[in-house]
Amino acid sequence: MLKHSGMAKKVIASTLFSLKRNTLFQTRSVNDWLWGYEDPVLKVGHQLLPSIFPSSQFGFFYQMNGTENGEYLFNTGQNDYMKFTEIITWNGQKSLNWWASNFCNMINGTDGASFHPLIKKNEKLYVFAPDICRSFYLTFEKELEVQGIN
């Protein structure tokens, strides 16, 4: 954000961060970290420079609960149940053009909300995460028992 701002905005933003009374490390609830809390520095920044500080709130998933993250075209699995809910295109693209390599730009797997039936423990489950513009895979590690349920 500040990279393309004028010198005055950079100085004001730098001053805000140096005047912060909170310590660098904060103790917050999980709810605060995930869904947001009002940060005093961001509050002042938002009042002075709303173009650089669009909000006074900070949270890893702030304003993301139930929000749209692109248009997906999914495979129905009609011809091959193993392809059920695989992403065919995301925002009209079969691959990304964000990363330096074709491998990194691949859109693999599902959106992580569902997978094909009859998953095997030795299978890699591929997931595309639009927030990080990357695909990754999940593998089975071990079975657990939680409150008597396994």
C-alpha atoms as a PDB file:
ATOM      1  CA  MET A   1       0.000   0.000   0.000  1.00  0.00           C
ATOM      2  CA  LEU A   2       2.658   2.519   0.983  1.00  0.00           C
ATOM      3  CA  LYS A   3       4.980   1.447  -1.806  1.00  0.00           C
ATOM      4  CA  HIS A   4       3.216   3.661  -4.358  1.00  0.00           C
ATOM      5  CA  SER A   5       2.275   6.514  -1.982  1.00  0.00           C
ATOM      6  CA  GLY A   6       3.755   9.976  -1.811  1.00  0.00           C
ATOM      7  CA  MET A   7       6.435  10.925   0.735  1.00  0.00           C
ATOM      8  CA  ALA A   8       3.989  12.797   3.000  1.00  0.00           C
ATOM      9  CA  LYS A   9       1.756   9.756   3.323  1.00  0.00           C
ATOM     10  CA  LYS A  10       4.753   7.551   4.081  1.00  0.00           C
ATOM     11  CA  VAL A  11       5.935   9.917   6.816  1.00  0.00           C
ATOM     12  CA  ILE A  12       2.475  10.075   8.416  1.00  0.00           C
ATOM     13  CA  ALA A  13       2.106   6.302   8.290  1.00  0.00           C
ATOM     14  CA  SER A  14       5.592   5.835   9.754  1.00  0.00           C
ATOM     15  CA  THR A  15       4.789   8.265  12.555  1.00  0.00           C
ATOM     16  CA  LEU A  16       1.565   6.399  13.356  1.00  0.00           C
ATOM     17  CA  PHE A  17       3.428   3.130  13.712  1.00  0.00           C
ATOM     18  CA  SER A  18       6.173   4.680  15.870  1.00  0.00           C
ATOM     19  CA  LEU A  19       3.619   6.340  18.188  1.00  0.00           C
ATOM     20  CA  LYS A  20       1.789   3.103  18.788  1.00  0.00           C
ATOM     21  CA  ARG A  21       1.442   2.527  22.521  1.00  0.00           C
ATOM     22  CA  ASN A  22       0.718  -1.183  22.166  1.00  0.00           C
ATOM     23  CA  THR A  23       3.602  -3.590  22.117  1.00  0.00           C
ATOM     24  CA  LEU A  24       4.613  -5.412  18.977  1.00  0.00           C
ATOM     25  CA  PHE A  25       3.194  -8.624  20.424  1.00  0.00           C
ATOM     26  CA  GLN A  26      -0.421  -8.669  21.532  1.00  0.00           C
ATOM     27  CA  THR A  27      -2.608 -11.132  23.356  1.00  0.00           C
ATOM     28  CA  ARG A  28      -6.023 -11.359  21.749  1.00  0.00           C
ATOM     29  CA  SER A  29      -8.798 -13.920  21.663  1.00  0.00           C
ATOM     30  CA  VAL A  30      -8.964 -16.365  18.780  1.00  0.00           C
ATOM     31  CA  ASN A  31     -12.186 -14.651  17.764  1.00  0.00           C
ATOM     32  CA  ASP A  32     -10.374 -11.283  17.550  1.00  0.00           C
ATOM     33  CA  TRP A  33      -7.475 -12.658  15.490  1.00  0.00           C
ATOM     34  CA  LEU A  34      -9.792 -14.466  13.094  1.00  0.00           C
ATOM     35  CA  TRP A  35     -12.760 -12.139  12.689  1.00  0.00           C
ATOM     36  CA  GLY A  36     -11.319  -8.765  13.658  1.00  0.00           C
ATOM     37  CA  TYR A  37     -10.824  -6.166  16.355  1.00  0.00           C
ATOM     38  CA  GLU A  38     -10.374  -2.411  16.284  1.00  0.00           C
ATOM     39  CA  ASP A  39      -6.687  -1.537  16.323  1.00  0.00           C
ATOM     40  CA  PRO A  40      -5.798   1.919  17.734  1.00  0.00           C
ATOM     41  CA  VAL A  41      -3.109   2.611  15.122  1.00  0.00           C
ATOM     42  CA  LEU A  42      -5.348   1.537  12.272  1.00  0.00           C
ATOM     43  CA  LYS A  43      -8.146   3.681  13.718  1.00  0.00           C
ATOM     44  CA  VAL A  44      -6.004   6.843  13.617  1.00  0.00           C
ATOM     45  CA  GLY A  45      -4.597   5.846  10.232  1.00  0.00           C
ATOM     46  CA  HIS A  46      -8.089   5.320   8.852  1.00  0.00           C
ATOM     47  CA  GLN A  47      -9.187   8.753  10.084  1.00  0.00           C
ATOM     48  CA  LEU A  48      -6.151  10.520   8.581  1.00  0.00           C
ATOM     49  CA  LEU A  49      -5.430   8.441   5.457  1.00  0.00           C
ATOM     50  CA  PRO A  50      -8.425   6.291   4.500  1.00  0.00           C
ATOM     51  CA  SER A  51      -6.868   5.546   1.094  1.00  0.00           C
ATOM     52  CA  ILE A  52      -3.939   3.782   2.799  1.00  0.00           C
ATOM     53  CA  PHE A  53      -5.838   2.475   5.866  1.00  0.00           C
ATOM     54  CA  PRO A  54      -9.220   1.372   4.472  1.00  0.00           C
ATOM     55  CA  SER A  55     -10.382   0.112   7.882  1.00  0.00           C
ATOM     56  CA  SER A  56      -9.626   0.426  11.574  1.00  0.00           C
ATOM     57  CA  GLN A  57     -10.208  -3.303  11.983  1.00  0.00           C
ATOM     58  CA  PHE A  58      -7.672  -6.118  11.741  1.00  0.00           C
ATOM     59  CA  GLY A  59      -8.443  -9.830  11.505  1.00  0.00           C
ATOM     60  CA  PHE A  60      -7.113 -12.658   9.355  1.00  0.00           C
ATOM     61  CA  PHE A  61     -10.610 -13.326   8.001  1.00  0.00           C
ATOM     62  CA  TYR A  62     -12.094  -9.875   8.633  1.00  0.00           C
ATOM     63  CA  GLN A  63     -14.984  -9.285   6.206  1.00  0.00           C
ATOM     64  CA  MET A  64     -14.426 -12.676   4.609  1.00  0.00           C
ATOM     65  CA  ASN A  65     -17.123 -14.739   6.299  1.00  0.00           C
ATOM     66  CA  GLY A  66     -19.439 -15.780   3.491  1.00  0.00           C
ATOM     67  CA  THR A  67     -17.877 -13.414   0.977  1.00  0.00           C
ATOM     68  CA  GLU A  68     -17.524 -14.124  -2.718  1.00  0.00           C
ATOM     69  CA  ASN A  69     -14.056 -15.289  -3.755  1.00  0.00           C
ATOM     70  CA  GLY A  70     -14.554 -15.757  -7.466  1.00  0.00           C
ATOM     71  CA  GLU A  71     -16.635 -17.637  -9.994  1.00  0.00           C
ATOM     72  CA  TYR A  72     -16.061 -21.379 -10.139  1.00  0.00           C
ATOM     73  CA  LEU A  73     -16.956 -23.948 -12.772  1.00  0.00           C
ATOM     74  CA  PHE A  74     -16.958 -27.399 -11.147  1.00  0.00           C
ATOM     75  CA  ASN A  75     -16.943 -30.904 -12.582  1.00  0.00           C
ATOM     76  CA  THR A  76     -20.186 -32.722 -11.720  1.00  0.00           C
ATOM     77  CA  GLY A  77     -18.545 -36.139 -11.652  1.00  0.00           C
ATOM     78  CA  GLN A  78     -21.216 -37.519 -13.990  1.00  0.00           C
ATOM     79  CA  ASN A  79     -18.666 -39.235 -16.258  1.00  0.00           C
ATOM     80  CA  ASP A  80     -16.051 -39.927 -13.552  1.00  0.00           C
ATOM     81  CA  TYR A  81     -16.949 -39.781  -9.858  1.00  0.00           C
ATOM     82  CA  MET A  82     -13.259 -39.233  -9.020  1.00  0.00           C
ATOM     83  CA  LYS A  83     -13.521 -35.765 -10.631  1.00  0.00           C
ATOM     84  CA  PHE A  84     -16.567 -34.749  -8.540  1.00  0.00           C
ATOM     85  CA  THR A  85     -16.285 -31.060  -7.490  1.00  0.00           C
ATOM     86  CA  GLU A  86     -12.901 -30.576  -9.175  1.00  0.00           C
ATOM     87  CA  ILE A  87     -12.428 -27.016 -10.366  1.00  0.00           C
ATOM     88  CA  ILE A  88     -12.521 -26.693 -14.156  1.00  0.00           C
ATOM     89  CA  THR A  89     -12.105 -22.907 -14.186  1.00  0.00           C
ATOM     90  CA  TRP A  90     -11.851 -20.132 -11.597  1.00  0.00           C
ATOM     91  CA  ASN A  91     -12.889 -16.648 -12.774  1.00  0.00           C
ATOM     92  CA  GLY A  92     -12.941 -18.040 -16.321  1.00  0.00           C
ATOM     93  CA  GLN A  93      -9.315 -19.229 -16.156  1.00  0.00           C
ATOM     94  CA  LYS A  94      -7.977 -22.800 -16.314  1.00  0.00           C
ATOM     95  CA  SER A  95      -4.701 -21.587 -14.794  1.00  0.00           C
ATOM     96  CA  LEU A  96      -3.323 -18.443 -13.192  1.00  0.00           C
ATOM     97  CA  ASN A  97      -0.756 -15.983 -14.497  1.00  0.00           C
ATOM     98  CA  TRP A  98       0.395 -14.769 -11.089  1.00  0.00           C
ATOM     99  CA  TRP A  99       3.473 -16.919 -10.438  1.00  0.00           C
ATOM    100  CA  ALA A 100       6.700 -17.289 -12.418  1.00  0.00           C
ATOM    101  CA  SER A 101       6.167 -20.970 -13.265  1.00  0.00           C
ATOM    102  CA  ASN A 102       3.379 -22.937 -14.930  1.00  0.00           C
ATOM    103  CA  PHE A 103       3.472 -25.415 -12.039  1.00  0.00           C
ATOM    104  CA  CYS A 104       2.724 -22.722  -9.461  1.00  0.00           C
ATOM    105  CA  ASN A 105      -0.032 -21.263 -11.657  1.00  0.00           C
ATOM    106  CA  MET A 106      -1.966 -24.536 -11.857  1.00  0.00           C
ATOM    107  CA  ILE A 107      -5.505 -24.712 -10.484  1.00  0.00           C
ATOM    108  CA  ASN A 108      -5.766 -28.222  -9.042  1.00  0.00           C
ATOM    109  CA  GLY A 109      -8.434 -30.049  -7.103  1.00  0.00           C
ATOM    110  CA  THR A 110     -11.511 -28.700  -5.368  1.00  0.00           C
ATOM    111  CA  ASP A 111     -12.237 -25.618  -3.289  1.00  0.00           C
ATOM    112  CA  GLY A 112     -11.814 -27.756  -0.166  1.00  0.00           C
ATOM    113  CA  ALA A 113     -15.513 -27.762   0.732  1.00  0.00           C
ATOM    114  CA  SER A 114     -16.080 -31.257  -0.676  1.00  0.00           C
ATOM    115  CA  PHE A 115     -14.241 -34.116  -2.315  1.00  0.00           C
ATOM    116  CA  HIS A 116     -15.141 -37.182  -4.335  1.00  0.00           C
ATOM    117  CA  PRO A 117     -16.619 -40.171  -2.468  1.00  0.00           C
ATOM    118  CA  LEU A 118     -14.603 -43.191  -1.295  1.00  0.00           C
ATOM    119  CA  ILE A 119     -11.424 -41.315  -0.346  1.00  0.00           C
ATOM    120  CA  LYS A 120      -8.472 -43.586   0.449  1.00  0.00           C
ATOM    121  CA  LYS A 121      -5.986 -42.905   3.258  1.00  0.00           C
ATOM    122  CA  ASN A 122      -2.997 -42.928   0.878  1.00  0.00           C
ATOM    123  CA  GLU A 123      -4.597 -40.420  -1.514  1.00  0.00           C
ATOM    124  CA  LYS A 124      -3.497 -36.801  -1.987  1.00  0.00           C
ATOM    125  CA  LEU A 125      -6.457 -34.413  -1.940  1.00  0.00           C
ATOM    126  CA  TYR A 126      -5.750 -31.284  -3.965  1.00  0.00           C
ATOM    127  CA  VAL A 127      -7.248 -27.942  -2.962  1.00  0.00           C
ATOM    128  CA  PHE A 128      -7.137 -24.552  -4.690  1.00  0.00           C
ATOM    129  CA  ALA A 129      -7.042 -21.542  -2.328  1.00  0.00           C
ATOM    130  CA  PRO A 130      -7.802 -18.264  -4.145  1.00  0.00           C
ATOM    131  CA  ASP A 131      -6.634 -16.183  -1.147  1.00  0.00           C
ATOM    132  CA  ILE A 132      -3.053 -17.296  -1.780  1.00  0.00           C
ATOM    133  CA  CYS A 133      -3.463 -17.991  -5.529  1.00  0.00           C
ATOM    134  CA  ARG A 134      -2.075 -21.505  -5.091  1.00  0.00           C
ATOM    135  CA  SER A 135      -3.057 -25.125  -5.109  1.00  0.00           C
ATOM    136  CA  PHE A 136      -1.808 -27.487  -2.423  1.00  0.00           C
ATOM    137  CA  TYR A 137      -2.563 -31.005  -1.302  1.00  0.00           C
ATOM    138  CA  LEU A 138      -3.697 -32.674   1.893  1.00  0.00           C
ATOM    139  CA  THR A 139      -2.573 -36.108   3.084  1.00  0.00           C
ATOM    140  CA  PHE A 140      -3.862 -38.392   5.806  1.00  0.00           C
ATOM    141  CA  GLU A 141      -1.602 -38.427   8.858  1.00  0.00           C
ATOM    142  CA  LYS A 142      -3.363 -40.438  11.561  1.00  0.00           C
ATOM    143  CA  GLU A 143      -6.684 -41.285  13.138  1.00  0.00           C
ATOM    144  CA  LEU A 144      -7.615 -39.452  16.320  1.00  0.00           C
ATOM    145  CA  GLU A 145     -10.118 -39.887  19.086  1.00  0.00           C
ATOM    146  CA  VAL A 146     -11.786 -36.706  20.318  1.00  0.00           C
ATOM    147  CA  GLN A 147     -14.186 -36.901  23.262  1.00  0.00           C
ATOM    148  CA  GLY A 148     -14.708 -40.622  22.655  1.00  0.00           C
ATOM    149  CA  ILE A 149     -15.371 -40.255  18.911  1.00  0.00           C
ATOM    150  CA  ASN A 150     -12.983 -41.614  16.274  1.00  0.00           C
END
